[in-house]
């Protein structure tokens, strides 16, 4: 094992909202509950589809903010992350603060009446278009906080949140920024719900990642934000954990399915291990997998984990607790992985009961206490054959 401090980006602040809780503290408690909250039929989204989802229910919509509910979720998580980092608006003045945010839904103009009017040959009102432009997540944060550093919104399907944090790590390493606000946000709305249903990948009940009887995913919504700082500036108890490595690759195999042998995912993982200081697969204490509950994804991840980490690989999916939050998934799963490192405990992979015959290994069936855990991996797979991996380290 080889690692150097200057390669790390200390996590000095975290903020998160999902169905696990409205704060990181609530999330930490819910993560280890033996009976989790189950998905329910949508309430805020008008649909005739009987598909259970993980919807954030107790955050009142705010019509005064552009960009839809995604930006409201993001604002909530951002405020918590800044508070956690003990950063007020004036503390950012004069600093090179970058913003990198991942999303899928918030980068789309999800206004069906707007498109219907346009396709009919009429000219729709410009307000939805103006809201869409003003709702660019990274640019919105830059404007809200009066920042002058780089601002980048990543839309790389379901790996967007992981990619945003990975790019934030690179900005810190390259000396481009003193601080980076990184993460992801996405909301539930009719467009992704109808779209994923059309692909035939939505489960009719609560999702069962890696289980032999898995039948697809549950969509969810969330936002997760981390504040990254150079390791030497994040010394002491401000940064218990750090983002240590990032790797990504593209399969070029299929528009929606991963390479069945997982060669692209393996490459992304190996790149992330190299990025973390040339650490070895054996150094990884546990893995927070993408684990959507779809047949193709879960099988590929199990194959790759077995090939790289052996039959005793410790892994789980947290999507049974949050749903698949699309562009926010990689960001909130990074935060959940950090919490597991801080607690030295990995929860069971919820609703896994039986291993499928075509999978070489399965996830954790019961909570695992790891007092000496130092390294963890989080994987994200996406449409278009995208694969991303983040390595986190307890300092």
Protein backbone atom coordinates (compact mmCIF):
# COMPACT_ATOMS: atom_id res chain seq x y z
CA UNK A 1 0.00 0.00 0.00
CA UNK A 2 1.21 3.48 -0.87
CA UNK A 3 -0.58 6.78 -0.30
CA UNK A 4 0.41 10.39 0.23
CA UNK A 5 -1.44 13.11 2.12
CA UNK A 6 -1.23 15.65 -0.69
CA UNK A 7 -3.37 13.37 -2.86
CA UNK A 8 -6.31 13.63 -0.45
CA UNK A 9 -9.21 16.07 -0.42
CA UNK A 10 -10.43 16.36 3.14
CA UNK A 11 -14.20 16.38 3.59
CA UNK A 12 -14.75 19.32 5.96
CA UNK A 13 -18.52 19.54 5.49
CA UNK A 14 -21.41 17.26 4.49
CA UNK A 15 -25.07 17.92 3.73
CA UNK A 16 -27.70 15.44 2.59
CA UNK A 17 -31.42 15.05 2.17
CA UNK A 18 -33.23 11.90 1.04
CA UNK A 19 -35.93 9.61 2.35
CA UNK A 20 -33.39 8.49 4.96
CA UNK A 21 -33.60 11.92 6.56
CA UNK A 22 -33.43 15.68 6.04
CA UNK A 23 -29.97 15.97 7.59
CA UNK A 24 -26.78 13.97 7.85
CA UNK A 25 -27.54 13.30 11.52
CA UNK A 26 -30.96 11.86 10.67
CA UNK A 27 -29.39 9.88 7.83
CA UNK A 28 -26.73 8.44 10.13
CA UNK A 29 -29.39 7.12 12.49
CA UNK A 30 -31.66 5.71 9.78
CA UNK A 31 -28.79 3.99 7.98
CA UNK A 32 -28.56 1.32 10.67
CA UNK A 33 -32.25 0.81 11.40
CA UNK A 34 -33.27 -2.86 10.98
CA UNK A 35 -36.69 -1.92 9.53
CA UNK A 36 -36.26 0.75 6.85
CA UNK A 37 -38.85 3.01 5.32
CA UNK A 38 -40.51 1.42 2.28
CA UNK A 39 -41.17 3.17 -1.03
CA UNK A 40 -44.70 4.42 -1.66
CA UNK A 41 -46.75 5.53 -4.65
CA UNK A 42 -45.88 9.07 -5.79
CA UNK A 43 -47.73 11.93 -4.14
CA UNK A 44 -46.18 15.02 -5.69
CA UNK A 45 -45.90 13.54 -9.21
CA UNK A 46 -49.09 13.22 -11.24
CA UNK A 47 -49.03 9.75 -12.79
CA UNK A 48 -51.26 6.74 -13.36
CA UNK A 49 -48.31 4.36 -12.98
CA UNK A 50 -48.46 2.16 -9.88
CA UNK A 51 -44.73 2.25 -9.23
CA UNK A 52 -43.37 2.71 -5.69
CA UNK A 53 -40.81 5.50 -5.29
CA UNK A 54 -38.69 7.03 -2.52
CA UNK A 55 -40.09 10.55 -2.36
CA UNK A 56 -38.95 13.31 -0.01
CA UNK A 57 -42.24 14.20 1.62
CA UNK A 58 -41.60 16.79 4.32
CA UNK A 59 -39.78 19.53 2.41
CA UNK A 60 -42.36 22.10 1.33
CA UNK A 61 -42.01 23.14 -2.35
CA UNK A 62 -40.80 26.73 -2.82
CA UNK A 63 -42.04 28.42 -5.98
CA UNK A 64 -39.58 31.28 -5.44
CA UNK A 65 -36.57 29.23 -6.51
CA UNK A 66 -35.92 28.40 -10.20
CA UNK A 67 -35.19 25.00 -11.63
CA UNK A 68 -37.84 22.88 -9.92
CA UNK A 69 -37.63 20.73 -6.81
CA UNK A 70 -34.06 19.57 -7.59
CA UNK A 71 -32.70 23.00 -6.70
CA UNK A 72 -34.72 23.11 -3.47
CA UNK A 73 -33.20 19.80 -2.42
CA UNK A 74 -29.77 21.13 -3.37
CA UNK A 75 -30.23 24.34 -1.38
CA UNK A 76 -31.21 22.32 1.69
CA UNK A 77 -28.12 20.09 1.46
CA UNK A 78 -25.83 23.02 0.63
CA UNK A 79 -26.84 24.97 3.73
CA UNK A 80 -26.16 21.97 5.93
CA UNK A 81 -22.77 21.32 4.32
CA UNK A 82 -21.68 24.95 4.80
CA UNK A 83 -22.87 24.91 8.41
CA UNK A 84 -21.05 21.62 9.01
CA UNK A 85 -17.87 23.17 7.59
CA UNK A 86 -18.45 26.25 9.77
CA UNK A 87 -18.38 28.45 6.70
CA UNK A 88 -20.43 31.63 6.46
CA UNK A 89 -20.78 33.68 3.29
CA UNK A 90 -17.99 36.05 4.28
CA UNK A 91 -15.60 33.17 4.89
CA UNK A 92 -15.61 32.40 1.17
CA UNK A 93 -14.66 35.91 0.06
CA UNK A 94 -11.22 36.01 -1.48
CA UNK A 95 -10.95 32.23 -1.68
CA UNK A 96 -10.83 30.22 -4.89
CA UNK A 97 -14.01 28.21 -4.43
CA UNK A 98 -15.04 25.82 -7.17
CA UNK A 99 -18.49 24.29 -7.64
CA UNK A 100 -19.08 20.97 -9.36
CA UNK A 101 -22.59 19.48 -9.31
CA UNK A 102 -24.01 16.34 -10.90
CA UNK A 103 -27.59 15.96 -12.09
CA UNK A 104 -29.77 14.41 -14.76
CA UNK A 105 -33.28 15.74 -14.14
CA UNK A 106 -32.16 19.29 -13.33
CA UNK A 107 -30.29 19.56 -16.63
CA UNK A 108 -33.48 18.86 -18.59
CA UNK A 109 -36.44 21.08 -19.37
CA UNK A 110 -38.98 18.71 -17.82
CA UNK A 111 -42.10 20.63 -18.80
CA UNK A 112 -44.41 18.42 -20.83
CA UNK A 113 -46.96 21.20 -21.59
CA UNK A 114 -44.09 23.35 -22.94
CA UNK A 115 -43.06 20.61 -25.37
CA UNK A 116 -46.67 19.83 -26.33
CA UNK A 117 -47.28 23.47 -27.22
CA UNK A 118 -44.02 23.66 -29.16
CA UNK A 119 -44.78 20.48 -31.13
CA UNK A 120 -48.23 21.76 -32.00
CA UNK A 121 -46.62 24.64 -33.88
CA UNK A 122 -47.51 27.30 -31.34
CA UNK A 123 -45.05 29.36 -29.30
CA UNK A 124 -45.10 28.41 -25.61
CA UNK A 125 -44.47 30.95 -22.82
CA UNK A 126 -40.78 31.55 -22.14
CA UNK A 127 -41.00 31.22 -18.36
CA UNK A 128 -40.24 27.46 -18.22
CA UNK A 129 -37.22 28.03 -20.45
CA UNK A 130 -36.01 30.93 -18.30
CA UNK A 131 -36.42 28.84 -15.13
CA UNK A 132 -34.48 26.01 -16.73
CA UNK A 133 -31.57 28.29 -17.62
CA UNK A 134 -31.57 29.96 -14.19
CA UNK A 135 -31.75 26.55 -12.50
CA UNK A 136 -28.35 25.26 -13.63
CA UNK A 137 -27.21 23.78 -10.28
CA UNK A 138 -23.54 24.78 -10.30
CA UNK A 139 -24.21 28.25 -11.71
CA UNK A 140 -27.02 28.78 -9.19
CA UNK A 141 -24.65 28.04 -6.27
CA UNK A 142 -21.98 30.28 -7.78
CA UNK A 143 -24.47 33.16 -8.03
CA UNK A 144 -26.04 32.56 -4.61
CA UNK A 145 -22.68 32.59 -2.82
CA UNK A 146 -20.96 35.18 -5.04
CA UNK A 147 -18.15 32.83 -6.03
CA UNK A 148 -15.51 33.44 -8.68
CA UNK A 149 -14.04 29.95 -9.08
CA UNK A 150 -14.88 27.34 -11.72
CA UNK A 151 -18.51 26.20 -11.87
CA UNK A 152 -19.37 22.99 -13.70
CA UNK A 153 -22.59 20.97 -13.93
CA UNK A 154 -22.03 17.33 -14.84
CA UNK A 155 -24.77 15.43 -16.65
CA UNK A 156 -23.41 11.94 -17.13
CA UNK A 157 -26.57 10.03 -16.27
CA UNK A 158 -26.42 8.00 -13.05
CA UNK A 159 -22.70 8.52 -12.42
CA UNK A 160 -23.04 12.34 -12.44
CA UNK A 161 -22.81 12.84 -8.67
CA UNK A 162 -19.73 10.62 -8.35
CA UNK A 163 -18.09 12.34 -11.32
CA UNK A 164 -18.73 15.76 -9.78
CA UNK A 165 -16.96 14.76 -6.55
CA UNK A 166 -14.15 13.13 -8.53
CA UNK A 167 -13.62 16.32 -10.53
CA UNK A 168 -13.67 18.30 -7.28
CA UNK A 169 -10.85 16.06 -6.02
CA UNK A 170 -8.87 16.77 -9.20
CA UNK A 171 -9.37 20.53 -8.81
CA UNK A 172 -8.00 20.34 -5.27
CA UNK A 173 -5.02 18.23 -6.36
CA UNK A 174 -4.18 20.53 -9.24
CA UNK A 175 -4.20 23.57 -6.96
CA UNK A 176 -7.03 25.24 -8.89
CA UNK A 177 -9.20 25.74 -5.80
CA UNK A 178 -8.85 26.38 -2.09
CA UNK A 179 -12.25 24.78 -1.52
CA UNK A 180 -14.67 22.83 -3.71
CA UNK A 181 -18.42 22.48 -3.24
CA UNK A 182 -19.28 19.18 -4.93
CA UNK A 183 -22.21 16.81 -5.07
CA UNK A 184 -25.42 16.05 -6.90
CA UNK A 185 -29.17 16.62 -6.89
CA UNK A 186 -32.22 15.16 -8.61
CA UNK A 187 -35.96 15.16 -8.11
CA UNK A 188 -38.77 12.79 -8.94
CA UNK A 189 -40.95 13.93 -11.76
CA UNK A 190 -43.04 12.50 -14.54
CA UNK A 191 -40.38 12.42 -17.26
CA UNK A 192 -37.87 10.02 -15.61
CA UNK A 193 -40.69 7.99 -14.07
CA UNK A 194 -42.34 7.38 -17.44
CA UNK A 195 -38.97 6.93 -19.13
CA UNK A 196 -37.61 4.29 -16.76
CA UNK A 197 -40.96 2.50 -16.85
CA UNK A 198 -40.76 2.42 -20.64
CA UNK A 199 -37.35 0.76 -20.35
CA UNK A 200 -38.93 -1.98 -18.25
CA UNK A 201 -36.50 -1.59 -15.35
CA UNK A 202 -38.84 -0.39 -12.57
CA UNK A 203 -39.76 -2.87 -9.85
CA UNK A 204 -43.44 -3.31 -8.96
CA UNK A 205 -42.52 -3.45 -5.26
CA UNK A 206 -39.58 -2.52 -3.01
CA UNK A 207 -36.31 -3.14 -4.87
CA UNK A 208 -34.09 -6.08 -3.90
CA UNK A 209 -30.49 -5.30 -4.95
CA UNK A 210 -28.39 -8.38 -5.76
CA UNK A 211 -31.17 -10.79 -4.77
CA UNK A 212 -32.12 -13.72 -7.01
CA UNK A 213 -35.67 -12.34 -7.16
CA UNK A 214 -34.70 -8.76 -7.98
CA UNK A 215 -37.12 -7.23 -10.46
CA UNK A 216 -35.79 -3.74 -11.09
CA UNK A 217 -35.24 -0.40 -9.39
CA UNK A 218 -37.25 2.12 -7.41
CA UNK A 219 -36.67 5.73 -8.36
CA UNK A 220 -35.88 8.20 -5.60
CA UNK A 221 -34.86 11.82 -5.08
CA UNK A 222 -32.11 13.39 -3.03
CA UNK A 223 -29.30 15.89 -2.82
CA UNK A 224 -25.84 15.45 -1.36
CA UNK A 225 -23.10 18.06 -0.97
CA UNK A 226 -19.55 17.77 0.34
CA UNK A 227 -17.08 20.58 0.99
CA UNK A 228 -13.58 19.53 -0.06
CA UNK A 229 -10.32 21.13 1.04
CA UNK A 230 -6.63 20.28 0.60
CA UNK A 231 -5.56 17.73 3.20
CA UNK A 232 -3.06 20.06 4.85
CA UNK A 233 -5.78 22.73 5.23
CA UNK A 234 -8.28 20.19 6.54
CA UNK A 235 -6.15 18.85 9.37
CA UNK A 236 -7.53 17.88 12.74
CA UNK A 237 -11.11 16.97 13.51
CA UNK A 238 -12.54 19.09 10.70
CA UNK A 239 -11.98 16.20 8.30
CA UNK A 240 -12.32 12.74 9.76
CA UNK A 241 -12.45 11.32 6.24
CA UNK A 242 -11.20 12.27 2.81
CA UNK A 243 -11.86 11.57 -0.85
CA UNK A 244 -8.68 9.79 -1.91
CA UNK A 245 -9.16 8.49 -5.45
CA UNK A 246 -11.29 8.71 -8.58
CA UNK A 247 -11.47 6.67 -11.75
CA UNK A 248 -13.85 6.52 -14.68
CA UNK A 249 -14.20 4.71 -17.99
CA UNK A 250 -16.67 4.05 -20.79
CA UNK A 251 -17.73 0.63 -22.08
CA UNK A 252 -18.95 1.63 -25.54
CA UNK A 253 -21.02 -1.57 -25.33
CA UNK A 254 -24.70 -0.59 -25.17
CA UNK A 255 -26.78 2.55 -24.67
CA UNK A 256 -28.38 1.33 -21.41
CA UNK A 257 -26.63 -1.90 -20.35
CA UNK A 258 -23.09 -2.45 -19.03
CA UNK A 259 -20.53 -4.73 -20.62
CA UNK A 260 -21.61 -8.20 -19.37
CA UNK A 261 -18.05 -9.00 -18.28
CA UNK A 262 -17.59 -5.64 -16.55
CA UNK A 263 -14.27 -4.73 -18.14
CA UNK A 264 -15.12 -1.01 -18.09
CA UNK A 265 -16.13 -1.09 -14.44
CA UNK A 266 -12.96 -2.98 -13.54
CA UNK A 267 -10.89 -0.36 -15.33
CA UNK A 268 -12.63 2.48 -13.46
CA UNK A 269 -12.03 0.74 -10.12
CA UNK A 270 -8.36 0.08 -10.88
CA UNK A 271 -7.90 3.71 -11.93
CA UNK A 272 -9.49 4.88 -8.67
CA UNK A 273 -7.13 2.66 -6.66
CA UNK A 274 -4.14 4.05 -8.56
CA UNK A 275 -5.46 7.57 -8.03
CA UNK A 276 -5.65 6.91 -4.28
CA UNK A 277 -1.92 6.33 -4.13
CA UNK A 278 -1.40 2.99 -5.84
CA UNK A 279 -3.33 1.08 -3.18
CA UNK A 280 -4.25 -2.55 -3.86
CA UNK A 281 -7.69 -4.24 -4.01
CA UNK A 282 -6.85 -5.96 -0.71
CA UNK A 283 -6.65 -2.56 1.00
CA UNK A 284 -10.36 -1.88 0.40
CA UNK A 285 -12.35 -2.72 3.53
CA UNK A 286 -15.82 -2.52 1.95
CA UNK A 287 -17.70 -1.39 -1.17
CA UNK A 288 -20.86 0.66 -1.50
CA UNK A 289 -22.04 -0.71 -4.83
CA UNK A 290 -24.24 0.96 -7.43
CA UNK A 291 -26.64 -1.95 -6.84
CA UNK A 292 -29.78 -0.80 -8.65
CA UNK A 293 -31.70 -4.06 -8.31
CA UNK A 294 -31.80 -4.57 -12.08
CA UNK A 295 -30.68 -7.97 -13.42
CA UNK A 296 -27.85 -6.69 -15.66
CA UNK A 297 -26.28 -4.16 -13.28
CA UNK A 298 -26.16 -6.36 -10.19
CA UNK A 299 -24.78 -9.37 -12.01
CA UNK A 300 -21.96 -7.33 -13.59
CA UNK A 301 -20.97 -5.71 -10.30
CA UNK A 302 -20.89 -9.07 -8.51
CA UNK A 303 -18.68 -10.53 -11.26
CA UNK A 304 -16.24 -7.62 -11.07
CA UNK A 305 -16.13 -7.57 -7.25
CA UNK A 306 -15.42 -11.30 -7.19
CA UNK A 307 -12.70 -10.93 -9.84
CA UNK A 308 -10.99 -8.00 -8.10
CA UNK A 309 -11.65 -8.57 -4.39
CA UNK A 310 -12.30 -12.28 -4.15
CA UNK A 311 -15.14 -14.37 -2.78
CA UNK A 312 -14.95 -12.60 0.59
CA UNK A 313 -15.63 -9.13 -0.89
CA UNK A 314 -17.71 -7.01 1.50
CA UNK A 315 -20.27 -4.99 -0.42
CA UNK A 316 -23.80 -3.65 -0.13
CA UNK A 317 -26.32 -1.47 -1.92
CA UNK A 318 -27.93 1.48 -0.16
CA UNK A 319 -30.50 1.97 -2.94
CA UNK A 320 -32.87 -0.31 -1.04
CA UNK A 321 -32.95 2.58 1.48
CA UNK A 322 -33.00 5.62 -0.82
CA UNK A 323 -34.11 4.41 -4.23
CA UNK A 324 -32.12 5.24 -7.34
CA UNK A 325 -31.66 8.99 -7.15
CA UNK A 326 -30.06 9.25 -10.61
CA UNK A 327 -27.67 12.22 -10.79
CA UNK A 328 -27.62 12.50 -6.99
CA UNK A 329 -26.87 8.79 -6.43
CA UNK A 330 -23.08 8.94 -6.58
CA UNK A 331 -23.02 11.98 -4.28
CA UNK A 332 -25.28 10.63 -1.54
CA UNK A 333 -23.59 7.23 -1.74
CA UNK A 334 -20.24 8.94 -1.23
CA UNK A 335 -21.67 10.54 1.93
CA UNK A 336 -23.19 7.25 3.10
CA UNK A 337 -19.82 5.57 2.59
CA UNK A 338 -18.12 8.30 4.62
CA UNK A 339 -20.63 7.73 7.43
CA UNK A 340 -19.88 4.01 7.41
CA UNK A 341 -16.16 4.76 7.71
CA UNK A 342 -16.82 7.17 10.58
CA UNK A 343 -19.00 4.61 12.37
CA UNK A 344 -16.66 1.68 11.55
CA UNK A 345 -19.79 -0.30 10.72
CA UNK A 346 -21.30 -1.41 7.41
CA UNK A 347 -25.05 -2.14 7.44
CA UNK A 348 -26.59 -5.20 5.82
CA UNK A 349 -27.64 -4.95 2.18
CA UNK A 350 -31.38 -4.59 2.74
CA UNK A 351 -33.78 -7.15 1.25
CA UNK A 352 -31.05 -9.46 0.01
CA UNK A 353 -32.05 -13.03 0.81
CA UNK A 354 -30.93 -15.42 -1.92
CA UNK A 355 -28.02 -15.42 -4.35
CA UNK A 356 -28.81 -15.94 -8.03
CA UNK A 357 -27.16 -18.86 -9.79
CA UNK A 358 -25.38 -16.55 -12.27
CA UNK A 359 -23.72 -14.40 -9.58
CA UNK A 360 -20.42 -15.51 -8.01
CA UNK A 361 -20.87 -13.68 -4.69
CA UNK A 362 -23.48 -11.75 -2.75
CA UNK A 363 -23.65 -8.67 -0.53
CA UNK A 364 -23.57 -8.48 3.25
CA UNK A 365 -26.48 -10.28 4.90
CA UNK A 366 -25.94 -8.71 8.32
CA UNK A 367 -24.21 -5.58 9.71
CA UNK A 368 -20.43 -5.82 9.80
CA UNK A 369 -18.32 -4.10 12.46
CA UNK A 370 -14.94 -3.00 11.08
CA UNK A 371 -13.03 -1.14 13.82
CA UNK A 372 -9.87 -0.82 11.73
CA UNK A 373 -11.57 0.12 8.45
CA UNK A 374 -9.58 2.75 6.60
CA UNK A 375 -10.41 2.44 2.89
CA UNK A 376 -13.78 2.20 1.14
CA UNK A 377 -14.95 2.19 -2.47
CA UNK A 378 -18.16 3.52 -4.01
CA UNK A 379 -19.12 2.55 -7.56
CA UNK A 380 -21.52 4.23 -10.00
CA UNK A 381 -22.65 2.91 -13.37
CA UNK A 382 -24.61 4.88 -15.95
CA UNK A 383 -26.33 4.82 -19.31
CA UNK A 384 -23.96 5.11 -22.22
CA UNK A 385 -21.57 2.64 -20.59
CA UNK A 386 -20.19 5.11 -18.07
CA UNK A 387 -18.41 3.69 -15.01
CA UNK A 388 -17.12 5.75 -12.08
CA UNK A 389 -15.44 4.82 -8.81
CA UNK A 390 -14.54 6.88 -5.75
CA UNK A 391 -12.12 5.80 -3.04
CA UNK A 392 -12.67 7.23 0.45
CA UNK A 393 -10.21 7.08 3.34
CA UNK A 394 -10.62 7.47 7.07
CA UNK A 395 -7.72 9.68 8.11
